[in-house]
Amino acid sequence: MRKGLRCLDFSSLVRLRGDLIETFKFIKGINKVNYRKLFKLSSVNRTRGHTWKLAKGKFHTNVRKYFFTQRVVNVWNSLPGHVVEAETLGVFKAWLDTVLDTI
């Protein structure tokens, strides 16, 4: 995660942070939309990572490939479990900022 994000400029990092916060809000039910309509949970059970791993779709066009729900998957899946499984939005933001600050 570090190598890929290190080259992002500040505005890209702010956008990424916002995307991750929105993803958290969808998954935790803060946004009143069923997250299953937007995201597919990964069916691969691995011993590493967290239980909220998202599956990345396969698309033939760039329009869908770069949509919010797809561009956030790799970074979301690389977040530590304690960040993704935070109980509140405030705690998630604090831990997310800690992770993003190390980049």
PDB file of N, CA and C in Angstrom:
ATOM      1  N   MET A   1       0.829  -1.188   0.000  1.00  0.00           N
ATOM      2  CA  MET A   1       0.000   0.000   0.000  1.00  0.00           C
ATOM      3  C   MET A   1       0.868   1.244   0.000  1.00  0.00           C
ATOM      4  N   ARG A   2       1.961   1.240   0.705  1.00  0.00           N
ATOM      5  CA  ARG A   2       2.776   2.447   0.846  1.00  0.00           C
ATOM      6  C   ARG A   2       3.383   2.901  -0.468  1.00  0.00           C
ATOM      7  N   LYS A   3       3.941   1.983  -1.235  1.00  0.00           N
ATOM      8  CA  LYS A   3       4.598   2.375  -2.475  1.00  0.00           C
ATOM      9  C   LYS A   3       3.615   3.013  -3.441  1.00  0.00           C
ATOM     10  N   GLY A   4       2.436   2.459  -3.539  1.00  0.00           N
ATOM     11  CA  GLY A   4       1.451   2.992  -4.467  1.00  0.00           C
ATOM     12  C   GLY A   4       0.902   4.340  -4.059  1.00  0.00           C
ATOM     13  N   LEU A   5       0.706   4.564  -2.781  1.00  0.00           N
ATOM     14  CA  LEU A   5       0.102   5.811  -2.318  1.00  0.00           C
ATOM     15  C   LEU A   5       1.124   6.920  -2.118  1.00  0.00           C
ATOM     16  N   ARG A   6       2.368   6.580  -1.995  1.00  0.00           N
ATOM     17  CA  ARG A   6       3.392   7.579  -1.737  1.00  0.00           C
ATOM     18  C   ARG A   6       3.474   8.608  -2.861  1.00  0.00           C
ATOM     19  N   CYS A   7       3.183   8.203  -4.079  1.00  0.00           N
ATOM     20  CA  CYS A   7       3.312   9.110  -5.218  1.00  0.00           C
ATOM     21  C   CYS A   7       2.049   9.944  -5.455  1.00  0.00           C
ATOM     22  N   LEU A   8       1.006   9.761  -4.678  1.00  0.00           N
ATOM     23  CA  LEU A   8      -0.212  10.551  -4.842  1.00  0.00           C
ATOM     24  C   LEU A   8      -0.003  11.977  -4.357  1.00  0.00           C
ATOM     25  N   ASP A   9      -0.611  12.922  -5.061  1.00  0.00           N
ATOM     26  CA  ASP A   9      -0.561  14.294  -4.574  1.00  0.00           C
ATOM     27  C   ASP A   9      -1.624  14.475  -3.490  1.00  0.00           C
ATOM     28  N   PHE A  10      -1.610  15.627  -2.855  1.00  0.00           N
ATOM     29  CA  PHE A  10      -2.495  15.866  -1.715  1.00  0.00           C
ATOM     30  C   PHE A  10      -3.965  15.740  -2.093  1.00  0.00           C
ATOM     31  N   SER A  11      -4.368  16.282  -3.246  1.00  0.00           N
ATOM     32  CA  SER A  11      -5.785  16.225  -3.628  1.00  0.00           C
ATOM     33  C   SER A  11      -6.234  14.790  -3.878  1.00  0.00           C
ATOM     34  N   SER A  12      -5.358  13.964  -4.421  1.00  0.00           N
ATOM     35  CA  SER A  12      -5.699  12.557  -4.628  1.00  0.00           C
ATOM     36  C   SER A  12      -5.844  11.832  -3.298  1.00  0.00           C
ATOM     37  N   LEU A  13      -5.006  12.185  -2.340  1.00  0.00           N
ATOM     38  CA  LEU A  13      -5.076  11.566  -1.018  1.00  0.00           C
ATOM     39  C   LEU A  13      -6.355  11.972  -0.295  1.00  0.00           C
ATOM     40  N   VAL A  14      -6.766  13.224  -0.454  1.00  0.00           N
ATOM     41  CA  VAL A  14      -8.019  13.699   0.147  1.00  0.00           C
ATOM     42  C   VAL A  14      -9.201  12.958  -0.477  1.00  0.00           C
ATOM     43  N   ARG A  15      -9.165  12.771  -1.796  1.00  0.00           N
ATOM     44  CA  ARG A  15     -10.235  12.036  -2.480  1.00  0.00           C
ATOM     45  C   ARG A  15     -10.279  10.590  -2.004  1.00  0.00           C
ATOM     46  N   LEU A  16      -9.122   9.969  -1.896  1.00  0.00           N
ATOM     47  CA  LEU A  16      -9.051   8.591  -1.420  1.00  0.00           C
ATOM     48  C   LEU A  16      -9.599   8.482  -0.007  1.00  0.00           C
ATOM     49  N   ARG A  17      -9.229   9.410   0.861  1.00  0.00           N
ATOM     50  CA  ARG A  17      -9.727   9.411   2.241  1.00  0.00           C
ATOM     51  C   ARG A  17     -11.250   9.497   2.240  1.00  0.00           C
ATOM     52  N   GLY A  18     -11.796  10.387   1.427  1.00  0.00           N
ATOM     53  CA  GLY A  18     -13.249  10.523   1.333  1.00  0.00           C
ATOM     54  C   GLY A  18     -13.911   9.255   0.825  1.00  0.00           C
ATOM     55  N   ASP A  19     -13.303   8.623  -0.167  1.00  0.00           N
ATOM     56  CA  ASP A  19     -13.837   7.365  -0.702  1.00  0.00           C
ATOM     57  C   ASP A  19     -13.850   6.274   0.366  1.00  0.00           C
ATOM     58  N   LEU A  20     -12.785   6.189   1.144  1.00  0.00           N
ATOM     59  CA  LEU A  20     -12.714   5.169   2.193  1.00  0.00           C
ATOM     60  C   LEU A  20     -13.732   5.437   3.296  1.00  0.00           C
ATOM     61  N   ILE A  21     -13.938   6.695   3.626  1.00  0.00           N
ATOM     62  CA  ILE A  21     -14.943   7.049   4.633  1.00  0.00           C
ATOM     63  C   ILE A  21     -16.335   6.688   4.134  1.00  0.00           C
ATOM     64  N   GLU A  22     -16.626   6.978   2.871  1.00  0.00           N
ATOM     65  CA  GLU A  22     -17.936   6.618   2.313  1.00  0.00           C
ATOM     66  C   GLU A  22     -18.120   5.108   2.287  1.00  0.00           C
ATOM     67  N   THR A  23     -17.077   4.380   1.953  1.00  0.00           N
ATOM     68  CA  THR A  23     -17.152   2.917   1.955  1.00  0.00           C
ATOM     69  C   THR A  23     -17.488   2.408   3.352  1.00  0.00           C
ATOM     70  N   PHE A  24     -16.819   2.938   4.365  1.00  0.00           N
ATOM     71  CA  PHE A  24     -17.101   2.556   5.748  1.00  0.00           C
ATOM     72  C   PHE A  24     -18.561   2.838   6.088  1.00  0.00           C
ATOM     73  N   LYS A  25     -19.058   4.001   5.680  1.00  0.00           N
ATOM     74  CA  LYS A  25     -20.438   4.383   5.993  1.00  0.00           C
ATOM     75  C   LYS A  25     -21.441   3.455   5.316  1.00  0.00           C
ATOM     76  N   PHE A  26     -21.146   3.027   4.090  1.00  0.00           N
ATOM     77  CA  PHE A  26     -22.036   2.078   3.415  1.00  0.00           C
ATOM     78  C   PHE A  26     -22.021   0.730   4.119  1.00  0.00           C
ATOM     79  N   ILE A  27     -20.853   0.226   4.430  1.00  0.00           N
ATOM     80  CA  ILE A  27     -20.735  -1.103   5.031  1.00  0.00           C
ATOM     81  C   ILE A  27     -21.326  -1.145   6.434  1.00  0.00           C
ATOM     82  N   LYS A  28     -21.163  -0.085   7.204  1.00  0.00           N
ATOM     83  CA  LYS A  28     -21.692  -0.041   8.568  1.00  0.00           C
ATOM     84  C   LYS A  28     -23.160   0.374   8.632  1.00  0.00           C
ATOM     85  N   GLY A  29     -23.762   0.709   7.492  1.00  0.00           N
ATOM     86  CA  GLY A  29     -25.173   1.069   7.483  1.00  0.00           C
ATOM     87  C   GLY A  29     -25.459   2.502   7.887  1.00  0.00           C
ATOM     88  N   ILE A  30     -24.441   3.350   7.941  1.00  0.00           N
ATOM     89  CA  ILE A  30     -24.656   4.764   8.269  1.00  0.00           C
ATOM     90  C   ILE A  30     -25.381   5.442   7.118  1.00  0.00           C
ATOM     91  N   ASN A  31     -24.943   5.146   5.890  1.00  0.00           N
ATOM     92  CA  ASN A  31     -25.708   5.562   4.708  1.00  0.00           C
ATOM     93  C   ASN A  31     -26.844   4.562   4.550  1.00  0.00           C
ATOM     94  N   LYS A  32     -28.009   5.040   4.278  1.00  0.00           N
ATOM     95  CA  LYS A  32     -29.194   4.178   4.255  1.00  0.00           C
ATOM     96  C   LYS A  32     -29.347   3.412   2.943  1.00  0.00           C
ATOM     97  N   VAL A  33     -28.240   2.918   2.432  1.00  0.00           N
ATOM     98  CA  VAL A  33     -28.240   2.099   1.222  1.00  0.00           C
ATOM     99  C   VAL A  33     -27.608   0.766   1.590  1.00  0.00           C
ATOM    100  N   ASN A  34     -28.217  -0.314   1.159  1.00  0.00           N
ATOM    101  CA  ASN A  34     -27.665  -1.633   1.425  1.00  0.00           C
ATOM    102  C   ASN A  34     -26.332  -1.761   0.688  1.00  0.00           C
ATOM    103  N   TYR A  35     -25.260  -1.997   1.428  1.00  0.00           N
ATOM    104  CA  TYR A  35     -23.931  -2.059   0.811  1.00  0.00           C
ATOM    105  C   TYR A  35     -23.838  -3.157  -0.238  1.00  0.00           C
ATOM    106  N   ARG A  36     -24.674  -4.169  -0.151  1.00  0.00           N
ATOM    107  CA  ARG A  36     -24.631  -5.273  -1.117  1.00  0.00           C
ATOM    108  C   ARG A  36     -25.063  -4.834  -2.514  1.00  0.00           C
ATOM    109  N   LYS A  37     -25.738  -3.689  -2.594  1.00  0.00           N
ATOM    110  CA  LYS A  37     -26.100  -3.154  -3.910  1.00  0.00           C
ATOM    111  C   LYS A  37     -24.901  -2.498  -4.587  1.00  0.00           C
ATOM    112  N   LEU A  38     -23.898  -2.126  -3.804  1.00  0.00           N
ATOM    113  CA  LEU A  38     -22.731  -1.436  -4.348  1.00  0.00           C
ATOM    114  C   LEU A  38     -21.470  -2.289  -4.337  1.00  0.00           C
ATOM    115  N   PHE A  39     -21.302  -3.076  -3.290  1.00  0.00           N
ATOM    116  CA  PHE A  39     -20.070  -3.831  -3.105  1.00  0.00           C
ATOM    117  C   PHE A  39     -20.374  -5.319  -3.004  1.00  0.00           C
ATOM    118  N   LYS A  40     -19.416  -6.104  -3.431  1.00  0.00           N
ATOM    119  CA  LYS A  40     -19.502  -7.546  -3.260  1.00  0.00           C
ATOM    120  C   LYS A  40     -18.372  -7.950  -2.323  1.00  0.00           C
ATOM    121  N   LEU A  41     -18.724  -8.641  -1.260  1.00  0.00           N
ATOM    122  CA  LEU A  41     -17.697  -9.119  -0.336  1.00  0.00           C
ATOM    123  C   LEU A  41     -16.931 -10.267  -0.983  1.00  0.00           C
ATOM    124  N   SER A  42     -15.650 -10.307  -0.729  1.00  0.00           N
ATOM    125  CA  SER A  42     -14.810 -11.353  -1.290  1.00  0.00           C
ATOM    126  C   SER A  42     -15.189 -12.693  -0.676  1.00  0.00           C
ATOM    127  N   SER A  43     -15.274 -13.702  -1.511  1.00  0.00           N
ATOM    128  CA  SER A  43     -15.623 -15.035  -1.018  1.00  0.00           C
ATOM    129  C   SER A  43     -14.383 -15.827  -0.615  1.00  0.00           C
ATOM    130  N   VAL A  44     -13.217 -15.250  -0.821  1.00  0.00           N
ATOM    131  CA  VAL A  44     -11.966 -15.921  -0.473  1.00  0.00           C
ATOM    132  C   VAL A  44     -11.714 -15.763   1.017  1.00  0.00           C
ATOM    133  N   ASN A  45     -11.631 -16.878   1.717  1.00  0.00           N
ATOM    134  CA  ASN A  45     -11.324 -16.849   3.152  1.00  0.00           C
ATOM    135  C   ASN A  45      -9.830 -17.044   3.336  1.00  0.00           C
ATOM    136  N   ARG A  46      -9.173 -15.981   3.699  1.00  0.00           N
ATOM    137  CA  ARG A  46      -7.738 -16.047   3.959  1.00  0.00           C
ATOM    138  C   ARG A  46      -7.506 -15.809   5.438  1.00  0.00           C
ATOM    139  N   THR A  47      -6.372 -16.230   5.895  1.00  0.00           N
ATOM    140  CA  THR A  47      -6.076 -16.068   7.316  1.00  0.00           C
ATOM    141  C   THR A  47      -5.567 -14.670   7.636  1.00  0.00           C
ATOM    142  N   ARG A  48      -5.202 -13.907   6.629  1.00  0.00           N
ATOM    143  CA  ARG A  48      -4.694 -12.553   6.859  1.00  0.00           C
ATOM    144  C   ARG A  48      -5.761 -11.527   6.521  1.00  0.00           C
ATOM    145  N   GLY A  49      -5.641 -10.371   7.141  1.00  0.00           N
ATOM    146  CA  GLY A  49      -6.550  -9.282   6.814  1.00  0.00           C
ATOM    147  C   GLY A  49      -7.801  -9.295   7.664  1.00  0.00           C
ATOM    148  N   HIS A  50      -8.765  -8.543   7.208  1.00  0.00           N
ATOM    149  CA  HIS A  50     -10.006  -8.373   7.952  1.00  0.00           C
ATOM    150  C   HIS A  50     -11.158  -9.116   7.274  1.00  0.00           C
ATOM    151  N   THR A  51     -12.299  -9.150   7.927  1.00  0.00           N
ATOM    152  CA  THR A  51     -13.450  -9.903   7.424  1.00  0.00           C
ATOM    153  C   THR A  51     -14.284  -9.118   6.423  1.00  0.00           C
ATOM    154  N   TRP A  52     -13.973  -7.853   6.185  1.00  0.00           N
ATOM    155  CA  TRP A  52     -14.738  -7.015   5.258  1.00  0.00           C
ATOM    156  C   TRP A  52     -14.006  -6.808   3.939  1.00  0.00           C
ATOM    157  N   LYS A  53     -13.305  -7.825   3.472  1.00  0.00           N
ATOM    158  CA  LYS A  53     -12.602  -7.733   2.191  1.00  0.00           C
ATOM    159  C   LYS A  53     -13.623  -7.613   1.065  1.00  0.00           C
ATOM    160  N   LEU A  54     -13.343  -6.720   0.134  1.00  0.00           N
ATOM    161  CA  LEU A  54     -14.233  -6.499  -0.997  1.00  0.00           C
ATOM    162  C   LEU A  54     -13.678  -7.195  -2.233  1.00  0.00           C
ATOM    163  N   ALA A  55     -14.581  -7.688  -3.067  1.00  0.00           N
ATOM    164  CA  ALA A  55     -14.180  -8.325  -4.318  1.00  0.00           C
ATOM    165  C   ALA A  55     -14.124  -7.277  -5.415  1.00  0.00           C
ATOM    166  N   LYS A  56     -13.135  -7.394  -6.264  1.00  0.00           N
ATOM    167  CA  LYS A  56     -12.987  -6.466  -7.379  1.00  0.00           C
ATOM    168  C   LYS A  56     -13.647  -7.092  -8.599  1.00  0.00           C
ATOM    169  N   GLY A  57     -14.501  -6.314  -9.252  1.00  0.00           N
ATOM    170  CA  GLY A  57     -15.190  -6.807 -10.435  1.00  0.00           C
ATOM    171  C   GLY A  57     -14.309  -6.768 -11.668  1.00  0.00           C
ATOM    172  N   LYS A  58     -14.738  -7.467 -12.697  1.00  0.00           N
ATOM    173  CA  LYS A  58     -14.030  -7.461 -13.980  1.00  0.00           C
ATOM    174  C   LYS A  58     -14.923  -6.776 -14.998  1.00  0.00           C
ATOM    175  N   PHE A  59     -14.364  -5.769 -15.667  1.00  0.00           N
ATOM    176  CA  PHE A  59     -15.145  -4.980 -16.605  1.00  0.00           C
ATOM    177  C   PHE A  59     -14.363  -4.775 -17.890  1.00  0.00           C
ATOM    178  N   HIS A  60     -15.092  -4.613 -18.975  1.00  0.00           N
ATOM    179  CA  HIS A  60     -14.473  -4.428 -20.282  1.00  0.00           C
ATOM    180  C   HIS A  60     -14.301  -2.959 -20.641  1.00  0.00           C
ATOM    181  N   THR A  61     -14.962  -2.079 -19.924  1.00  0.00           N
ATOM    182  CA  THR A  61     -14.852  -0.650 -20.224  1.00  0.00           C
ATOM    183  C   THR A  61     -14.226   0.085 -19.044  1.00  0.00           C
ATOM    184  N   ASN A  62     -13.551   1.172 -19.343  1.00  0.00           N
ATOM    185  CA  ASN A  62     -12.909   1.960 -18.295  1.00  0.00           C
ATOM    186  C   ASN A  62     -13.907   2.727 -17.448  1.00  0.00           C
ATOM    187  N   VAL A  63     -15.103   2.972 -17.968  1.00  0.00           N
ATOM    188  CA  VAL A  63     -16.096   3.737 -17.217  1.00  0.00           C
ATOM    189  C   VAL A  63     -16.390   3.045 -15.893  1.00  0.00           C
ATOM    190  N   ARG A  64     -16.694   1.796 -15.920  1.00  0.00           N
ATOM    191  CA  ARG A  64     -17.011   1.053 -14.705  1.00  0.00           C
ATOM    192  C   ARG A  64     -15.757   0.722 -13.894  1.00  0.00           C
ATOM    193  N   LYS A  65     -14.656   0.510 -14.590  1.00  0.00           N
ATOM    194  CA  LYS A  65     -13.406   0.138 -13.932  1.00  0.00           C
ATOM    195  C   LYS A  65     -12.931   1.208 -12.947  1.00  0.00           C
ATOM    196  N   TYR A  66     -13.184   2.475 -13.257  1.00  0.00           N
ATOM    197  CA  TYR A  66     -12.717   3.570 -12.411  1.00  0.00           C
ATOM    198  C   TYR A  66     -13.824   4.187 -11.564  1.00  0.00           C
ATOM    199  N   PHE A  67     -14.950   3.510 -11.466  1.00  0.00           N
ATOM    200  CA  PHE A  67     -16.053   3.971 -10.634  1.00  0.00           C
ATOM    201  C   PHE A  67     -15.660   3.834  -9.161  1.00  0.00           C
ATOM    202  N   PHE A  68     -16.280   4.649  -8.323  1.00  0.00           N
ATOM    203  CA  PHE A  68     -15.984   4.690  -6.885  1.00  0.00           C
ATOM    204  C   PHE A  68     -15.887   3.300  -6.263  1.00  0.00           C
ATOM    205  N   THR A  69     -16.850   2.444  -6.533  1.00  0.00           N
ATOM    206  CA  THR A  69     -16.886   1.138  -5.870  1.00  0.00           C
ATOM    207  C   THR A  69     -15.745   0.224  -6.297  1.00  0.00           C
ATOM    208  N   GLN A  70     -15.104   0.517  -7.404  1.00  0.00           N
ATOM    209  CA  GLN A  70     -13.977  -0.300  -7.855  1.00  0.00           C
ATOM    210  C   GLN A  70     -12.629   0.303  -7.488  1.00  0.00           C
ATOM    211  N   ARG A  71     -12.531   1.627  -7.550  1.00  0.00           N
ATOM    212  CA  ARG A  71     -11.225   2.245  -7.294  1.00  0.00           C
ATOM    213  C   ARG A  71     -10.823   2.169  -5.821  1.00  0.00           C
ATOM    214  N   VAL A  72     -11.767   1.911  -4.932  1.00  0.00           N
ATOM    215  CA  VAL A  72     -11.474   1.875  -3.502  1.00  0.00           C
ATOM    216  C   VAL A  72     -11.109   0.468  -3.008  1.00  0.00           C
ATOM    217  N   VAL A  73     -11.364  -0.553  -3.801  1.00  0.00           N
ATOM    218  CA  VAL A  73     -11.234  -1.941  -3.343  1.00  0.00           C
ATOM    219  C   VAL A  73      -9.821  -2.292  -2.877  1.00  0.00           C
ATOM    220  N   ASN A  74      -8.815  -2.020  -3.676  1.00  0.00           N
ATOM    221  CA  ASN A  74      -7.448  -2.427  -3.308  1.00  0.00           C
ATOM    222  C   ASN A  74      -6.976  -1.773  -2.016  1.00  0.00           C
ATOM    223  N   VAL A  75      -7.236  -0.489  -1.876  1.00  0.00           N
ATOM    224  CA  VAL A  75      -6.796   0.212  -0.666  1.00  0.00           C
ATOM    225  C   VAL A  75      -7.605  -0.261   0.536  1.00  0.00           C
ATOM    226  N   TRP A  76      -8.921  -0.416   0.372  1.00  0.00           N
ATOM    227  CA  TRP A  76      -9.781  -0.891   1.464  1.00  0.00           C
ATOM    228  C   TRP A  76      -9.295  -2.248   1.966  1.00  0.00           C
ATOM    229  N   ASN A  77      -9.014  -3.154   1.039  1.00  0.00           N
ATOM    230  CA  ASN A  77      -8.584  -4.495   1.426  1.00  0.00           C
ATOM    231  C   ASN A  77      -7.218  -4.499   2.105  1.00  0.00           C
ATOM    232  N   SER A  78      -6.412  -3.481   1.857  1.00  0.00           N
ATOM    233  CA  SER A  78      -5.085  -3.433   2.473  1.00  0.00           C
ATOM    234  C   SER A  78      -5.077  -2.738   3.838  1.00  0.00           C
ATOM    235  N   LEU A  79      -6.202  -2.160   4.240  1.00  0.00           N
ATOM    236  CA  LEU A  79      -6.269  -1.511   5.552  1.00  0.00           C
ATOM    237  C   LEU A  79      -6.192  -2.553   6.670  1.00  0.00           C
ATOM    238  N   PRO A  80      -5.588  -2.201   7.793  1.00  0.00           N
ATOM    239  CA  PRO A  80      -5.551  -3.120   8.937  1.00  0.00           C
ATOM    240  C   PRO A  80      -6.964  -3.416   9.459  1.00  0.00           C
ATOM    241  N   GLY A  81      -7.141  -4.581  10.033  1.00  0.00           N
ATOM    242  CA  GLY A  81      -8.443  -4.993  10.531  1.00  0.00           C
ATOM    243  C   GLY A  81      -9.034  -4.064  11.567  1.00  0.00           C
ATOM    244  N   HIS A  82      -8.211  -3.544  12.476  1.00  0.00           N
ATOM    245  CA  HIS A  82      -8.756  -2.680  13.530  1.00  0.00           C
ATOM    246  C   HIS A  82      -9.316  -1.379  12.956  1.00  0.00           C
ATOM    247  N   VAL A  83      -8.836  -0.959  11.807  1.00  0.00           N
ATOM    248  CA  VAL A  83      -9.363   0.255  11.178  1.00  0.00           C
ATOM    249  C   VAL A  83     -10.732  -0.035  10.570  1.00  0.00           C
ATOM    250  N   VAL A  84     -10.812  -1.071   9.762  1.00  0.00           N
ATOM    251  CA  VAL A  84     -12.049  -1.424   9.061  1.00  0.00           C
ATOM    252  C   VAL A  84     -13.147  -1.831  10.033  1.00  0.00           C
ATOM    253  N   GLU A  85     -12.788  -2.469  11.124  1.00  0.00           N
ATOM    254  CA  GLU A  85     -13.773  -2.965  12.073  1.00  0.00           C
ATOM    255  C   GLU A  85     -14.043  -1.988  13.215  1.00  0.00           C
ATOM    256  N   ALA A  86     -13.717  -0.725  13.023  1.00  0.00           N
ATOM    257  CA  ALA A  86     -13.973   0.307  14.035  1.00  0.00           C
ATOM    258  C   ALA A  86     -15.469   0.381  14.334  1.00  0.00           C
ATOM    259  N   GLU A  87     -15.792   0.684  15.570  1.00  0.00           N
ATOM    260  CA  GLU A  87     -17.192   0.728  16.000  1.00  0.00           C
ATOM    261  C   GLU A  87     -17.915   1.992  15.545  1.00  0.00           C
ATOM    262  N   THR A  88     -17.201   3.107  15.457  1.00  0.00           N
ATOM    263  CA  THR A  88     -17.847   4.371  15.098  1.00  0.00           C
ATOM    264  C   THR A  88     -17.094   5.040  13.954  1.00  0.00           C
ATOM    265  N   LEU A  89     -17.774   5.965  13.310  1.00  0.00           N
ATOM    266  CA  LEU A  89     -17.172   6.710  12.213  1.00  0.00           C
ATOM    267  C   LEU A  89     -15.994   7.549  12.701  1.00  0.00           C
ATOM    268  N   GLY A  90     -16.128   8.151  13.861  1.00  0.00           N
ATOM    269  CA  GLY A  90     -15.049   8.966  14.410  1.00  0.00           C
ATOM    270  C   GLY A  90     -13.785   8.167  14.669  1.00  0.00           C
ATOM    271  N   VAL A  91     -13.949   6.974  15.217  1.00  0.00           N
ATOM    272  CA  VAL A  91     -12.803   6.103  15.479  1.00  0.00           C
ATOM    273  C   VAL A  91     -12.182   5.664  14.154  1.00  0.00           C
ATOM    274  N   PHE A  92     -13.030   5.331  13.181  1.00  0.00           N
ATOM    275  CA  PHE A  92     -12.521   4.944  11.863  1.00  0.00           C
ATOM    276  C   PHE A  92     -11.683   6.060  11.249  1.00  0.00           C
ATOM    277  N   LYS A  93     -12.196   7.287  11.297  1.00  0.00           N
ATOM    278  CA  LYS A  93     -11.467   8.427  10.722  1.00  0.00           C
ATOM    279  C   LYS A  93     -10.123   8.635  11.412  1.00  0.00           C
ATOM    280  N   ALA A  94     -10.104   8.521  12.721  1.00  0.00           N
ATOM    281  CA  ALA A  94      -8.854   8.715  13.467  1.00  0.00           C
ATOM    282  C   ALA A  94      -7.823   7.659  13.088  1.00  0.00           C
ATOM    283  N   TRP A  95      -8.246   6.393  13.048  1.00  0.00           N
ATOM    284  CA  TRP A  95      -7.314   5.328  12.692  1.00  0.00           C
ATOM    285  C   TRP A  95      -6.915   5.412  11.221  1.00  0.00           C
ATOM    286  N   LEU A  96      -7.856   5.792  10.362  1.00  0.00           N
ATOM    287  CA  LEU A  96      -7.543   5.949   8.942  1.00  0.00           C
ATOM    288  C   LEU A  96      -6.494   7.040   8.751  1.00  0.00           C
ATOM    289  N   ASP A  97      -6.653   8.150   9.447  1.00  0.00           N
ATOM    290  CA  ASP A  97      -5.672   9.233   9.347  1.00  0.00           C
ATOM    291  C   ASP A  97      -4.296   8.772   9.815  1.00  0.00           C
ATOM    292  N   THR A  98      -4.273   7.944  10.843  1.00  0.00           N
ATOM    293  CA  THR A  98      -3.000   7.405  11.327  1.00  0.00           C
ATOM    294  C   THR A  98      -2.338   6.550  10.252  1.00  0.00           C
ATOM    295  N   VAL A  99      -3.131   5.718   9.593  1.00  0.00           N
ATOM    296  CA  VAL A  99      -2.596   4.867   8.526  1.00  0.00           C
ATOM    297  C   VAL A  99      -2.132   5.719   7.351  1.00  0.00           C
ATOM    298  N   LEU A 100      -2.932   6.686   6.942  1.00  0.00           N
ATOM    299  CA  LEU A 100      -2.574   7.523   5.797  1.00  0.00           C
ATOM    300  C   LEU A 100      -1.379   8.420   6.095  1.00  0.00           C
ATOM    301  N   ASP A 101      -1.184   8.786   7.353  1.00  0.00           N
ATOM    302  CA  ASP A 101      -0.035   9.616   7.733  1.00  0.00           C
ATOM    303  C   ASP A 101       1.289   8.868   7.612  1.00  0.00           C
ATOM    304  N   THR A 102       1.238   7.554   7.646  1.00  0.00           N
ATOM    305  CA  THR A 102       2.472   6.769   7.549  1.00  0.00           C
ATOM    306  C   THR A 102       2.912   6.559   6.109  1.00  0.00           C
ATOM    307  N   ILE A 103       2.134   7.054   5.190  1.00  0.00           N
ATOM    308  CA  ILE A 103       2.429   6.866   3.762  1.00  0.00           C
ATOM    309  C   ILE A 103       3.397   7.930   3.289  1.00  0.00           C
TER     310      ILE A 103
END
